[in-house]
Structures are given as structure tokens and as C-alpha cells.
Amino acid sequence: MSGLSPAQRLRRIVMWTANRKFTTGSMAIVFNDADEVLCVRERFRDRGAWGLPGGYLKHRETHESNMRRELLEELKIDVPPVTFVAYYVQEMVDHFDALYTVTLDRSMTPRAGIEIREVRWFAVDRLPPNLTANARRALQVMHATMGDSRLATISNA
């Protein structure tokens, strides 16, 4: 806060203290050529539950570069162009996500990185029963935002 007057510094401190704090990150809905959804089991969170790849933003990182970095770290894939879907809030934990989608061709084989215990493709109508609520919500957001017919069964789950 160098270069600020004492009054400006005080105002910043008061504003920072008075405003709600949240974390932010990106999440991906990854499809393959067979319209299956890629799910992951993380090593450090939600043990046993399936979720979608993604993670927290680093300082000065854009949501899209964050998504690309997370897919490279978690799945060992350098993805083709990603498509922005929507922003949404995980209200229970004050977390704000940018949701993306990408389709991998047959030449791209995701492999579990150090943070991931298991990677598996699931048919949309046969998603695991222990899919996290957050992953299910992300799929619903994509269906509602993009009208993606592949996800029509999710909105009723």
C-alpha cells in the first residue's frame, strides 16, 4: 500500500474487513468422443467421492489459464481449446468457480497426477452415485446455460 495516504490506507483496511471473503477457481467438464464425462477421485479431499477436475486460482492467474494448468497437473493432458460455460458460486463454502468444457479426442489419454487417486469415464446417464454435490451442480449449470442435450438427465437428478 505504498504511495497511499494514511486515510486511503485506513479506507482500504476497513473495506477489506467489511467485505465478504471468498476463494475462486476453475472447474472442467471433460467429454470424450463417446460423450462420456471424465470424473476424478482426489487424494486429499472427499475421499471416495467422484468429482470434476479443477482447482484454485493462483495469484495473477486467469480462470482459463488456471483451468489449463489444473488439467495438466491433475490429468497430464495439454488440452485443446476450452469453452467457457458460466460462473457460479458454491455458497456453502464461499467459493466462486469459472466452469469450462472441453472435448478430448481419442489420442488424448488422461492419467492421474499426484493430486488424483483415480480417473474414469462415465456415461452421462450412469454417473456414480457418490458424485459430489458440487460436480452435479456444475453439470446442471452447464445444461441450463448451454442447453447441452448430453446432460438432460442431470437436471432431474
Protein backbone atom coordinates (compact mmCIF):
# COMPACT_ATOMS: atom_id res chain seq x y z
CA MET A 1 0.00 0.00 0.00
CA SER A 2 2.95 2.29 -0.54
CA GLY A 3 2.11 5.64 -2.03
CA LEU A 4 -1.25 5.81 -0.25
CA SER A 5 -2.11 8.44 2.29
CA PRO A 6 -2.95 7.27 5.83
CA ALA A 7 -6.66 7.96 5.11
CA GLN A 8 -6.53 5.86 1.93
CA ARG A 9 -4.80 3.02 3.76
CA LEU A 10 -7.39 3.12 6.53
CA ARG A 11 -10.22 3.08 3.97
CA ARG A 12 -8.68 0.01 2.26
CA ILE A 13 -8.35 -1.82 5.57
CA VAL A 14 -11.94 -1.01 6.54
CA MET A 15 -13.27 -2.06 3.13
CA TRP A 16 -11.27 -5.30 3.18
CA THR A 17 -12.51 -6.11 6.69
CA ALA A 18 -16.15 -5.25 5.93
CA ASN A 19 -16.45 -7.25 2.70
CA ARG A 20 -17.16 -10.93 2.32
CA LYS A 21 -14.13 -13.16 1.62
CA PHE A 22 -14.19 -16.00 -0.89
CA THR A 23 -11.91 -18.27 -2.86
CA THR A 24 -12.00 -18.67 -6.62
CA GLY A 25 -11.01 -21.29 -9.12
CA SER A 26 -11.97 -23.18 -12.25
CA MET A 27 -13.66 -26.47 -12.96
CA ALA A 28 -13.87 -28.50 -16.18
CA ILE A 29 -16.50 -30.77 -17.63
CA VAL A 30 -14.41 -33.00 -19.88
CA PHE A 31 -16.08 -35.12 -22.55
CA ASN A 32 -14.62 -37.75 -24.85
CA ASP A 33 -15.69 -38.75 -28.38
CA ALA A 34 -18.32 -41.09 -26.89
CA ASP A 35 -19.90 -38.17 -24.92
CA GLU A 36 -18.77 -39.67 -21.60
CA VAL A 37 -17.85 -37.38 -18.70
CA LEU A 38 -14.44 -37.61 -17.07
CA CYS A 39 -14.60 -37.89 -13.27
CA VAL A 40 -11.75 -37.90 -10.78
CA ARG A 41 -11.20 -39.10 -7.21
CA GLU A 42 -8.88 -36.77 -5.37
CA ARG A 43 -6.28 -37.96 -2.87
CA PHE A 44 -6.73 -35.13 -0.38
CA ARG A 45 -10.44 -34.21 -0.43
CA ASP A 46 -13.77 -36.03 -0.49
CA ARG A 47 -12.17 -39.44 -0.15
CA GLY A 48 -14.15 -41.99 -2.10
CA ALA A 49 -16.34 -39.42 -3.85
CA TRP A 50 -16.09 -38.65 -7.55
CA GLY A 51 -15.80 -35.08 -8.77
CA LEU A 52 -14.72 -32.98 -11.73
CA PRO A 53 -11.18 -31.75 -12.37
CA GLY A 54 -10.34 -28.22 -11.31
CA GLY A 55 -8.69 -26.15 -8.65
CA TYR A 56 -7.92 -22.83 -7.05
CA LEU A 57 -6.59 -19.79 -8.88
CA LYS A 58 -3.02 -18.74 -8.23
CA HIS A 59 -2.07 -15.07 -7.83
CA ARG A 60 -2.49 -13.15 -11.12
CA GLU A 61 -3.70 -16.23 -12.97
CA THR A 62 -6.75 -16.04 -15.26
CA HIS A 63 -9.53 -18.58 -14.91
CA GLU A 64 -8.74 -20.08 -18.31
CA SER A 65 -5.00 -20.40 -17.61
CA ASN A 66 -5.91 -21.89 -14.22
CA MET A 67 -8.10 -24.49 -15.93
CA ARG A 68 -5.35 -25.43 -18.37
CA ARG A 69 -2.78 -25.69 -15.56
CA GLU A 70 -5.09 -27.84 -13.42
CA LEU A 71 -5.82 -30.24 -16.31
CA LEU A 72 -2.10 -30.57 -16.98
CA GLU A 73 -1.28 -31.14 -13.28
CA GLU A 74 -4.21 -33.42 -12.45
CA LEU A 75 -4.63 -35.35 -15.71
CA LYS A 76 -1.33 -34.93 -17.56
CA ILE A 77 -3.06 -33.51 -20.64
CA ASP A 78 -2.41 -30.32 -22.56
CA VAL A 79 -5.95 -29.63 -23.65
CA PRO A 80 -7.30 -28.25 -26.89
CA PRO A 81 -9.31 -25.01 -26.67
CA VAL A 82 -11.69 -24.88 -23.73
CA THR A 83 -15.15 -23.32 -23.87
CA PHE A 84 -16.35 -21.05 -21.09
CA VAL A 85 -19.75 -22.13 -19.73
CA ALA A 86 -20.63 -19.94 -16.75
CA TYR A 87 -19.58 -18.55 -13.41
CA TYR A 88 -21.25 -19.99 -10.35
CA VAL A 89 -20.94 -19.86 -6.57
CA GLN A 90 -20.57 -22.77 -4.19
CA GLU A 91 -22.41 -20.93 -1.46
CA MET A 92 -21.77 -23.35 1.40
CA VAL A 93 -18.04 -22.67 1.22
CA ASP A 94 -17.94 -19.15 -0.29
CA HIS A 95 -16.15 -20.38 -3.39
CA PHE A 96 -16.57 -18.86 -6.86
CA ASP A 97 -15.83 -21.05 -9.91
CA ALA A 98 -15.49 -20.46 -13.63
CA LEU A 99 -16.86 -23.52 -15.39
CA TYR A 100 -15.37 -24.72 -18.69
CA THR A 101 -15.97 -27.62 -21.01
CA VAL A 102 -13.60 -29.41 -23.35
CA THR A 103 -13.83 -32.49 -25.55
CA LEU A 104 -10.81 -34.78 -25.82
CA ASP A 105 -10.17 -36.84 -28.91
CA ARG A 106 -9.09 -40.48 -28.75
CA SER A 107 -5.40 -39.58 -28.92
CA MET A 108 -5.55 -37.83 -25.54
CA THR A 109 -5.45 -40.21 -22.59
CA PRO A 110 -5.85 -38.62 -19.15
CA ARG A 111 -3.64 -40.08 -16.41
CA ALA A 112 -3.88 -39.40 -12.69
CA GLY A 113 -1.44 -36.77 -11.48
CA ILE A 114 -0.14 -36.60 -7.91
CA GLU A 115 -3.36 -34.99 -6.56
CA ILE A 116 -5.63 -37.56 -8.19
CA ARG A 117 -6.18 -41.12 -7.00
CA GLU A 118 -8.31 -42.35 -9.90
CA VAL A 119 -9.59 -41.16 -13.29
CA ARG A 120 -12.57 -42.74 -15.05
CA TRP A 121 -15.01 -42.03 -17.89
CA PHE A 122 -18.74 -42.32 -17.10
CA ALA A 123 -21.76 -42.31 -19.38
CA VAL A 124 -23.90 -39.29 -18.51
CA ASP A 125 -26.88 -41.50 -17.65
CA ARG A 126 -24.67 -43.72 -15.45
CA LEU A 127 -22.77 -41.23 -13.30
CA PRO A 128 -21.53 -42.62 -9.99
CA PRO A 129 -23.99 -42.35 -7.09
CA ASN A 130 -21.25 -40.79 -4.96
CA LEU A 131 -20.66 -37.88 -7.38
CA THR A 132 -20.09 -34.78 -5.28
CA ALA A 133 -22.96 -32.30 -4.99
CA ASN A 134 -20.66 -29.65 -6.43
CA ALA A 135 -19.92 -31.74 -9.55
CA ARG A 136 -23.60 -32.50 -10.03
CA ARG A 137 -24.41 -28.78 -9.70
CA ALA A 138 -21.73 -27.91 -12.29
CA LEU A 139 -23.30 -30.37 -14.74
CA GLN A 140 -26.73 -28.85 -14.09
CA VAL A 141 -25.33 -25.34 -14.66
CA MET A 142 -23.86 -26.45 -17.99
CA HIS A 143 -27.16 -28.00 -19.06
CA ALA A 144 -29.13 -24.89 -18.02
CA THR A 145 -26.65 -22.44 -19.58
CA MET A 146 -25.81 -24.16 -22.83
CA GLY A 147 -28.86 -26.39 -23.30
CA ASP A 148 -26.43 -29.28 -23.77
CA SER A 149 -28.67 -32.24 -24.56
CA ARG A 150 -25.99 -34.69 -23.37
CA LEU A 151 -26.74 -33.52 -19.83
CA ALA A 152 -30.54 -33.57 -19.92
CA THR A 153 -30.73 -36.45 -17.42
CA ILE A 154 -28.67 -34.47 -14.87
CA SER A 155 -31.23 -31.72 -14.37
CA ASN A 156 -33.69 -34.24 -12.98
CA ALA A 157 -31.23 -35.99 -10.66
